Protein backbone atom coordinates (compact mmCIF):
# COMPACT_ATOMS: atom_id res chain seq x y z
CA UNK A 1 -33.82 -29.25 -8.58
CA UNK A 2 -37.25 -31.22 -9.28
CA UNK A 3 -40.60 -29.48 -6.94
CA UNK A 4 -41.45 -31.52 -4.07
CA UNK A 5 -39.12 -33.85 -4.43
CA UNK A 6 -36.12 -34.71 -1.98
CA UNK A 7 -32.79 -35.30 -3.21
CA UNK A 8 -29.40 -34.41 -5.39
CA UNK A 9 -28.63 -34.54 -9.17
CA UNK A 10 -26.44 -36.81 -9.61
CA UNK A 11 -24.89 -37.37 -13.80
CA UNK A 12 -27.90 -34.75 -14.62
CA UNK A 13 -30.33 -37.00 -12.57
CA UNK A 14 -32.08 -36.54 -10.03
CA UNK A 15 -31.61 -39.27 -7.76
CA UNK A 16 -34.93 -39.35 -4.41
CA UNK A 17 -35.56 -42.20 -2.06
CA UNK A 18 -39.56 -40.95 -1.93
CA UNK A 19 -42.17 -42.53 -4.52
CA UNK A 20 -44.43 -40.75 -6.32
CA UNK A 21 -48.23 -42.37 -6.78
CA UNK A 22 -49.50 -42.16 -10.56
CA UNK A 23 -46.00 -42.05 -12.07
CA UNK A 24 -45.17 -44.45 -14.81
CA UNK A 25 -42.40 -46.50 -14.72
CA UNK A 26 -40.15 -46.25 -17.65
CA UNK A 27 -37.09 -48.58 -16.39
CA UNK A 28 -36.58 -50.44 -13.20
CA UNK A 29 -32.27 -50.23 -13.01
CA UNK A 30 -30.30 -51.84 -11.27
CA UNK A 31 -26.52 -51.84 -10.20
CA UNK A 32 -23.98 -54.80 -8.38
CA UNK A 33 -20.83 -55.01 -7.05
CA UNK A 34 -19.28 -57.38 -5.72
CA UNK A 35 -15.90 -55.12 -4.97
CA UNK A 36 -15.68 -54.48 -1.09
CA UNK A 37 -14.14 -50.54 -1.69
CA UNK A 38 -16.95 -49.56 -4.59
CA UNK A 39 -17.30 -46.37 -4.19
CA UNK A 40 -21.50 -45.37 -4.33
CA UNK A 41 -21.65 -42.94 -7.40
CA UNK A 42 -20.45 -45.56 -9.83
CA UNK A 43 -23.13 -47.81 -8.73
CA UNK A 44 -25.78 -44.03 -9.11
CA UNK A 45 -23.13 -43.77 -12.72
CA UNK A 46 -24.66 -46.94 -14.07
CA UNK A 47 -28.24 -46.01 -12.63
CA UNK A 48 -28.25 -43.22 -14.43
CA UNK A 49 -26.62 -44.22 -17.68
CA UNK A 50 -29.90 -46.36 -17.51
CA UNK A 51 -32.51 -43.90 -16.34
CA UNK A 52 -31.17 -41.96 -19.62
CA UNK A 53 -31.04 -44.44 -22.11
CA UNK A 54 -35.05 -44.87 -20.81
CA UNK A 55 -35.58 -40.44 -21.37
CA UNK A 56 -35.96 -40.16 -17.48
CA UNK A 57 -34.94 -38.03 -15.67
CA UNK A 58 -35.86 -38.86 -11.76
CA UNK A 59 -34.96 -42.37 -10.39
CA UNK A 60 -37.18 -42.42 -7.76
CA UNK A 61 -37.52 -44.99 -4.75
CA UNK A 62 -33.19 -45.31 -4.93
CA UNK A 63 -31.90 -47.85 -2.42
CA UNK A 64 -28.60 -49.16 -2.02
CA UNK A 65 -26.99 -51.34 0.11
CA UNK A 66 -24.75 -52.90 0.82
CA UNK A 67 -24.29 -56.97 2.30
CA UNK A 68 -22.05 -60.05 3.41
CA UNK A 69 -21.53 -62.52 1.16
CA UNK A 70 -22.06 -66.14 3.10
CA UNK A 71 -19.36 -67.60 3.04
CA UNK A 72 -16.66 -64.63 4.09
CA UNK A 73 -17.62 -61.96 6.25
CA UNK A 74 -14.14 -59.35 4.46
CA UNK A 75 -15.57 -59.64 1.45
CA UNK A 76 -19.14 -57.83 1.13
CA UNK A 77 -21.59 -56.66 -2.27
CA UNK A 78 -22.88 -53.53 -2.67
CA UNK A 79 -26.54 -53.22 -4.48
CA UNK A 80 -28.28 -50.16 -5.26
CA UNK A 81 -31.80 -50.04 -7.31
CA UNK A 82 -34.42 -46.73 -8.37
CA UNK A 83 -37.84 -46.02 -10.54
CA UNK A 84 -36.73 -44.39 -12.95
CA UNK A 85 -39.47 -41.31 -14.06
CA UNK A 86 -39.68 -38.12 -16.50
CA UNK A 87 -40.69 -35.74 -14.72
CA UNK A 88 -41.50 -32.25 -16.11
CA UNK A 89 -40.47 -29.19 -14.20
CA UNK A 90 -43.17 -26.12 -14.10
CA UNK A 91 -42.84 -23.42 -16.47
CA UNK A 92 -42.96 -21.59 -13.34
CA UNK A 93 -39.89 -23.70 -11.75
CA UNK A 94 -38.10 -22.78 -14.71
CA UNK A 95 -37.68 -18.88 -14.20
CA UNK A 96 -37.38 -15.99 -16.57
CA UNK A 97 -34.96 -13.07 -17.50
CA UNK A 98 -36.01 -11.31 -13.90
CA UNK A 99 -33.13 -13.62 -11.48
CA UNK A 100 -35.14 -16.75 -10.61
CA UNK A 101 -33.64 -19.57 -10.50
CA UNK A 102 -33.92 -21.94 -13.62
CA UNK A 103 -32.10 -25.49 -13.80
CA UNK A 104 -28.87 -26.35 -15.07
CA UNK A 105 -29.08 -28.92 -17.86
CA UNK A 106 -25.60 -30.57 -17.01
CA UNK A 107 -26.08 -31.17 -13.25
CA UNK A 108 -29.55 -30.15 -12.82
CA UNK A 109 -28.10 -27.10 -10.34
CA UNK A 110 -30.81 -24.26 -8.99
CA UNK A 111 -29.10 -21.28 -10.70
CA UNK A 112 -30.09 -17.71 -11.60
CA UNK A 113 -31.72 -17.15 -14.58
CA UNK A 114 -29.59 -14.22 -15.17
CA UNK A 115 -25.95 -16.21 -14.51
CA UNK A 116 -23.12 -17.05 -17.19
CA UNK A 117 -22.21 -20.06 -15.64
CA UNK A 118 -23.63 -22.81 -13.28
CA UNK A 119 -22.62 -22.46 -8.92
CA UNK A 120 -22.60 -25.72 -8.87
CA UNK A 121 -20.55 -27.31 -11.11
CA UNK A 122 -19.12 -25.11 -13.93
CA UNK A 123 -21.15 -25.36 -16.64
CA UNK A 124 -21.74 -22.43 -19.02
CA UNK A 125 -25.47 -21.38 -19.25
CA UNK A 126 -26.42 -19.99 -22.82
């Protein structure tokens, strides 16, 4: 979780529909599918891969839309976009050995600093 932003973690990248001022955008990410029953997870997976490749850990201004193709109302396309940025988590948000919250390196979910496994994804914490 990123302090001050609402959103969710997917594939190790934090996604937020919110924007931020004065944060350098590393890359504008895009994903597209012409398959009508596309799962939104496949689009987010593409965006997360683009963000990670640019060294980002967060996608802000995340948007997705379904559009009908002009020639056929039964055929649709999906588009997803977002701006990949790197946001450092403040040391106070990292937690300590006193049972405060830390973040899983796999999914980014908040867990107790004394936990042995992530309660969100099951990842073993060391």
